[in-house]
Protein backbone atom coordinates (compact mmCIF):
# COMPACT_ATOMS: atom_id res chain seq x y z
CA UNK A 1 -61.72 6.53 -57.09
CA UNK A 2 -64.46 7.26 -54.53
CA UNK A 3 -64.23 3.69 -53.19
CA UNK A 4 -60.48 4.07 -52.68
CA UNK A 5 -60.99 7.28 -50.70
CA UNK A 6 -63.61 5.62 -48.45
CA UNK A 7 -61.26 2.72 -47.72
CA UNK A 8 -58.46 5.11 -46.73
CA UNK A 9 -60.56 7.32 -44.46
CA UNK A 10 -60.37 5.11 -41.32
CA UNK A 11 -56.58 4.92 -41.64
CA UNK A 12 -56.36 8.69 -42.11
CA UNK A 13 -58.47 9.15 -38.98
CA UNK A 14 -56.29 6.79 -36.94
CA UNK A 15 -53.12 8.55 -38.06
CA UNK A 16 -54.63 11.91 -37.13
CA UNK A 17 -55.57 10.58 -33.69
CA UNK A 18 -52.04 9.27 -33.18
CA UNK A 19 -50.61 12.65 -34.18
CA UNK A 20 -52.86 14.50 -31.74
CA UNK A 21 -52.05 12.09 -28.91
CA UNK A 22 -48.32 12.51 -29.42
CA UNK A 23 -48.74 16.29 -29.47
CA UNK A 24 -50.76 16.22 -26.25
CA UNK A 25 -48.28 13.91 -24.51
CA UNK A 26 -45.44 16.29 -25.38
CA UNK A 27 -47.29 19.37 -24.14
CA UNK A 28 -48.10 17.65 -20.83
CA UNK A 29 -44.49 18.02 -19.69
CA UNK A 30 -45.14 21.74 -19.18
CA UNK A 31 -48.28 21.40 -17.02
CA UNK A 32 -48.36 21.25 -13.22
CA UNK A 33 -50.97 18.53 -12.81
CA UNK A 34 -52.97 17.71 -9.70
CA UNK A 35 -51.81 14.26 -8.56
CA UNK A 36 -52.46 13.92 -4.85
CA UNK A 37 -55.55 12.08 -3.65
CA UNK A 38 -56.71 12.03 -0.05
CA UNK A 39 -59.29 10.02 1.88
CA UNK A 40 -59.61 12.95 4.31
CA UNK A 41 -62.23 15.38 3.06
CA UNK A 42 -61.64 19.12 3.06
CA UNK A 43 -63.98 20.83 5.56
CA UNK A 44 -66.31 22.95 3.38
CA UNK A 45 -68.85 21.58 0.87
CA UNK A 46 -69.11 23.82 -2.20
CA UNK A 47 -71.49 21.84 -4.42
CA UNK A 48 -73.16 18.41 -4.60
CA UNK A 49 -74.62 16.71 -7.66
CA UNK A 50 -75.78 13.30 -8.83
CA UNK A 51 -76.82 11.74 -12.14
CA UNK A 52 -78.84 8.62 -12.94
CA UNK A 53 -76.79 5.64 -14.03
CA UNK A 54 -79.56 4.15 -16.14
CA UNK A 55 -81.94 6.06 -18.39
CA UNK A 56 -83.50 5.47 -21.77
CA UNK A 57 -81.09 6.47 -24.55
CA UNK A 58 -82.95 6.04 -27.81
CA UNK A 59 -82.83 2.43 -29.02
CA UNK A 60 -79.43 1.64 -27.49
CA UNK A 61 -78.87 -1.72 -25.79
CA UNK A 62 -79.50 -1.42 -22.00
CA UNK A 63 -76.58 -3.81 -21.46
CA UNK A 64 -74.23 -1.03 -22.58
CA UNK A 65 -75.38 1.05 -19.61
CA UNK A 66 -74.47 -1.80 -17.28
CA UNK A 67 -71.07 -1.93 -19.00
CA UNK A 68 -70.75 1.82 -18.48
CA UNK A 69 -71.18 1.33 -14.74
CA UNK A 70 -68.30 -1.15 -14.78
CA UNK A 71 -66.15 1.38 -16.61
CA UNK A 72 -67.09 4.18 -14.20
CA UNK A 73 -66.21 2.02 -11.22
CA UNK A 74 -62.71 1.45 -12.58
CA UNK A 75 -62.17 5.13 -13.46
CA UNK A 76 -63.27 6.30 -10.01
CA UNK A 77 -60.39 4.40 -8.44
CA UNK A 78 -58.00 6.92 -10.02
CA UNK A 79 -60.20 9.98 -9.51
CA UNK A 80 -61.89 9.92 -6.13
CA UNK A 81 -60.38 12.27 -3.55
CA UNK A 82 -58.23 14.25 -5.99
CA UNK A 83 -56.96 17.50 -4.45
CA UNK A 84 -56.32 20.49 -6.73
CA UNK A 85 -53.87 22.74 -4.97
CA UNK A 86 -53.30 26.42 -5.87
CA UNK A 87 -51.52 26.62 -9.22
CA UNK A 88 -52.36 23.04 -10.19
CA UNK A 89 -54.37 21.82 -13.18
CA UNK A 90 -56.91 19.02 -13.04
CA UNK A 91 -56.83 16.73 -16.09
CA UNK A 92 -59.35 13.95 -16.62
CA UNK A 93 -57.02 11.80 -18.72
CA UNK A 94 -53.86 12.50 -16.74
CA UNK A 95 -55.54 10.84 -13.77
CA UNK A 96 -57.36 7.97 -15.49
CA UNK A 97 -54.91 7.10 -18.24
CA UNK A 98 -55.89 5.21 -21.36
CA UNK A 99 -58.98 3.00 -20.81
CA UNK A 100 -57.96 -0.44 -22.07
CA UNK A 101 -59.28 -3.98 -21.81
CA UNK A 102 -56.15 -4.93 -19.88
CA UNK A 103 -57.27 -2.57 -17.11
CA UNK A 104 -60.73 -4.16 -17.06
CA UNK A 105 -62.62 -1.66 -19.21
CA UNK A 106 -65.34 -3.12 -21.44
CA UNK A 107 -67.55 -2.06 -24.36
CA UNK A 108 -69.79 0.94 -23.73
CA UNK A 109 -71.49 3.75 -25.62
CA UNK A 110 -69.31 6.29 -27.41
CA UNK A 111 -70.26 9.42 -29.33
CA UNK A 112 -67.74 9.86 -32.12
CA UNK A 113 -67.61 11.51 -35.56
CA UNK A 114 -71.28 12.40 -35.45
CA UNK A 115 -72.44 8.87 -34.59
CA UNK A 116 -73.37 6.73 -31.60
CA UNK A 117 -70.87 3.87 -31.45
CA UNK A 118 -69.48 1.34 -28.98
CA UNK A 119 -65.93 1.06 -27.74
CA UNK A 120 -63.80 -0.08 -24.81
CA UNK A 121 -64.17 2.40 -21.97
CA UNK A 122 -67.41 3.83 -23.32
CA UNK A 123 -69.58 5.79 -20.89
CA UNK A 124 -66.86 7.76 -19.12
CA UNK A 125 -68.38 11.00 -20.41
CA UNK A 126 -70.91 10.73 -17.60
CA UNK A 127 -68.09 11.19 -15.09
CA UNK A 128 -66.71 14.13 -17.07
CA UNK A 129 -70.20 15.68 -17.15
CA UNK A 130 -70.49 15.46 -13.38
CA UNK A 131 -67.04 16.92 -12.73
CA UNK A 132 -67.60 19.77 -15.18
CA UNK A 133 -70.93 20.72 -13.59
CA UNK A 134 -69.34 20.72 -10.13
CA UNK A 135 -66.41 22.83 -11.34
CA UNK A 136 -68.79 25.43 -12.80
CA UNK A 137 -69.94 26.12 -9.24
CA UNK A 138 -66.44 27.05 -8.09
CA UNK A 139 -63.85 29.71 -8.98
CA UNK A 140 -61.77 27.07 -10.79
CA UNK A 141 -60.93 28.22 -14.34
CA UNK A 142 -62.13 25.92 -17.11
CA UNK A 143 -59.05 25.53 -19.30
CA UNK A 144 -60.37 22.84 -21.62
CA UNK A 145 -63.85 21.52 -22.24
CA UNK A 146 -65.37 19.99 -25.37
CA UNK A 147 -68.97 19.32 -26.28
CA UNK A 148 -70.39 17.02 -28.94
CA UNK A 149 -71.42 18.70 -32.17
CA UNK A 150 -74.63 16.67 -32.20
CA UNK A 151 -77.48 15.90 -29.79
CA UNK A 152 -78.04 12.11 -30.01
CA UNK A 153 -80.92 11.45 -27.60
CA UNK A 154 -84.17 13.14 -26.48
CA UNK A 155 -84.42 14.69 -23.02
CA UNK A 156 -85.48 11.52 -21.18
CA UNK A 157 -85.06 12.36 -17.45
CA UNK A 158 -82.58 15.13 -18.27
CA UNK A 159 -81.94 17.21 -15.12
CA UNK A 160 -79.32 19.69 -16.29
CA UNK A 161 -79.68 22.09 -19.23
CA UNK A 162 -78.87 20.77 -22.69
CA UNK A 163 -75.19 21.17 -23.51
CA UNK A 164 -73.89 21.34 -19.95
CA UNK A 165 -71.80 18.18 -20.28
CA UNK A 166 -68.23 17.51 -21.36
CA UNK A 167 -66.95 15.17 -24.08
CA UNK A 168 -63.71 13.25 -23.51
CA UNK A 169 -61.65 11.02 -25.80
CA UNK A 170 -58.21 9.79 -24.81
CA UNK A 171 -56.08 11.79 -24.54
CA UNK A 172 -56.38 14.89 -26.68
CA UNK A 173 -60.05 15.67 -25.98
CA UNK A 174 -59.70 16.36 -22.28
CA UNK A 175 -61.47 18.09 -19.41
CA UNK A 176 -59.16 20.45 -17.56
CA UNK A 177 -59.52 23.16 -14.96
CA UNK A 178 -56.94 25.30 -13.20
CA UNK A 179 -56.90 26.52 -9.60
CA UNK A 180 -56.07 30.27 -9.60
CA UNK A 181 -57.06 30.73 -5.93
CA UNK A 182 -55.19 30.35 -2.65
CA UNK A 183 -57.45 27.47 -1.57
CA UNK A 184 -57.17 23.73 -2.32
CA UNK A 185 -60.26 22.07 -3.81
CA UNK A 186 -61.14 18.40 -3.66
CA UNK A 187 -63.51 16.17 -5.66
CA UNK A 188 -65.16 13.13 -4.17
CA UNK A 189 -67.01 10.86 -6.61
CA UNK A 190 -68.70 7.52 -5.99
CA UNK A 191 -71.40 5.12 -7.18
CA UNK A 192 -74.63 3.97 -5.55
CA UNK A 193 -77.06 1.45 -6.99
CA UNK A 194 -78.87 4.17 -8.93
CA UNK A 195 -76.58 7.21 -9.21
CA UNK A 196 -73.15 8.58 -9.91
CA UNK A 197 -72.59 11.11 -7.11
CA UNK A 198 -70.08 13.86 -6.55
CA UNK A 199 -69.11 16.62 -4.13
CA UNK A 200 -66.55 19.38 -4.51
CA UNK A 201 -64.97 20.56 -1.25
CA UNK A 202 -62.78 23.54 -0.36
CA UNK A 203 -60.36 24.14 2.48
CA UNK A 204 -62.00 27.50 3.28
CA UNK A 205 -65.50 28.94 3.13
CA UNK A 206 -65.87 30.76 -0.21
CA UNK A 207 -67.17 34.37 -0.22
CA UNK A 208 -69.23 33.77 -3.38
CA UNK A 209 -71.78 31.25 -4.61
CA UNK A 210 -72.29 30.31 -8.25
CA UNK A 211 -75.64 29.72 -9.95
CA UNK A 212 -76.17 28.41 -13.51
CA UNK A 213 -79.17 29.16 -15.72
CA UNK A 214 -80.18 28.36 -19.28
CA UNK A 215 -81.13 31.13 -21.72
CA UNK A 216 -82.28 31.43 -25.32
CA UNK A 217 -83.08 27.77 -25.84
CA UNK A 218 -84.49 27.10 -29.30
CA UNK A 219 -84.66 24.60 -32.17
CA UNK A 220 -83.88 25.47 -35.79
CA UNK A 221 -84.91 23.64 -38.95
CA UNK A 222 -82.41 24.31 -41.74
CA UNK A 223 -82.23 22.53 -45.10
CA UNK A 224 -83.98 19.41 -43.85
CA UNK A 225 -81.99 19.14 -40.61
CA UNK A 226 -82.81 20.10 -37.03
CA UNK A 227 -80.45 22.03 -34.79
CA UNK A 228 -80.59 22.93 -31.12
CA UNK A 229 -79.16 26.07 -29.57
CA UNK A 230 -78.90 27.51 -26.07
CA UNK A 231 -76.72 29.52 -23.71
CA UNK A 232 -75.70 28.72 -20.15
CA UNK A 233 -74.99 31.74 -17.97
CA UNK A 234 -73.49 31.95 -14.51
CA UNK A 235 -74.44 34.38 -11.76
CA UNK A 236 -71.81 35.07 -9.09
CA UNK A 237 -73.40 36.09 -5.81
CA UNK A 238 -71.75 37.72 -2.79
CA UNK A 239 -72.75 35.53 0.17
CA UNK A 240 -72.45 38.44 2.61
CA UNK A 241 -74.76 40.85 0.79
CA UNK A 242 -76.78 38.48 -1.37
CA UNK A 243 -76.11 40.71 -4.38
CA UNK A 244 -75.06 39.55 -7.84
CA UNK A 245 -71.50 40.71 -8.47
CA UNK A 246 -71.52 39.77 -12.14
CA UNK A 247 -73.03 37.54 -14.82
CA UNK A 248 -71.03 35.66 -17.42
CA UNK A 249 -71.75 33.50 -20.45
CA UNK A 250 -70.15 30.13 -19.77
CA UNK A 251 -71.36 28.00 -22.71
CA UNK A 252 -72.94 28.60 -26.09
CA UNK A 253 -74.20 25.39 -27.70
CA UNK A 254 -75.23 24.76 -31.29
CA UNK A 255 -75.69 21.10 -32.23
CA UNK A 256 -77.38 19.00 -34.85
CA UNK A 257 -80.31 16.99 -33.48
CA UNK A 258 -80.17 13.28 -34.37
CA UNK A 259 -83.66 12.27 -33.20
CA UNK A 260 -87.19 13.06 -34.32
CA UNK A 261 -88.63 16.20 -32.79
CA UNK A 262 -92.23 16.13 -31.53
CA UNK A 263 -94.66 17.81 -33.88
């Protein structure tokens, strides 16, 4: 009986994925998505960031990181220069579409169902991570963001706080933010030999700046397993006075650690 259940599980998972994708596709008809891309940059830089394209990720094959770069290069063609006008919603998957071999995507690293796997289009989470971090430094409202329930790799050259990334899986695990302001925002993203780089622009100079900080970082050992927890808070600062207008909890992370912790 147990063997029969194990055989059926992959099919059950695929059917569930199909159901969720159909549901998401139907709900998309009611969303005002950002679609316009422009080569002309908006005049004011809000935030810049970059992330290394290659870094040690446990015992994973370095070739998969080279494949990731190929996948990122394809995805950027649909993403770079996107303008989010007032009242519009940015959607990662609405812009990129399904990553398929027919479009040129190849095998890369995927984090799925608590495991590190490979799959066509793997590695696009790095682009989602960058966009999410940039958006956190703007007044854009984060409408949808997911994070992995496990921490797969040690902090090898990690620059940002643990848990500040965004998980994406076509099309129902998305990254979305909404523009509630009166100003258009624009994202420019590109590759160099060593980095994935990004800038978020605005049409007007913003009256506030946004600063992120990690709090309450700790590890827990429970019933033979290790877990990692932290909080990421945002300070909103009035540029004119230099005073903090308010602080807000943006992310609370609690994930199982999949690697050996140093003693």
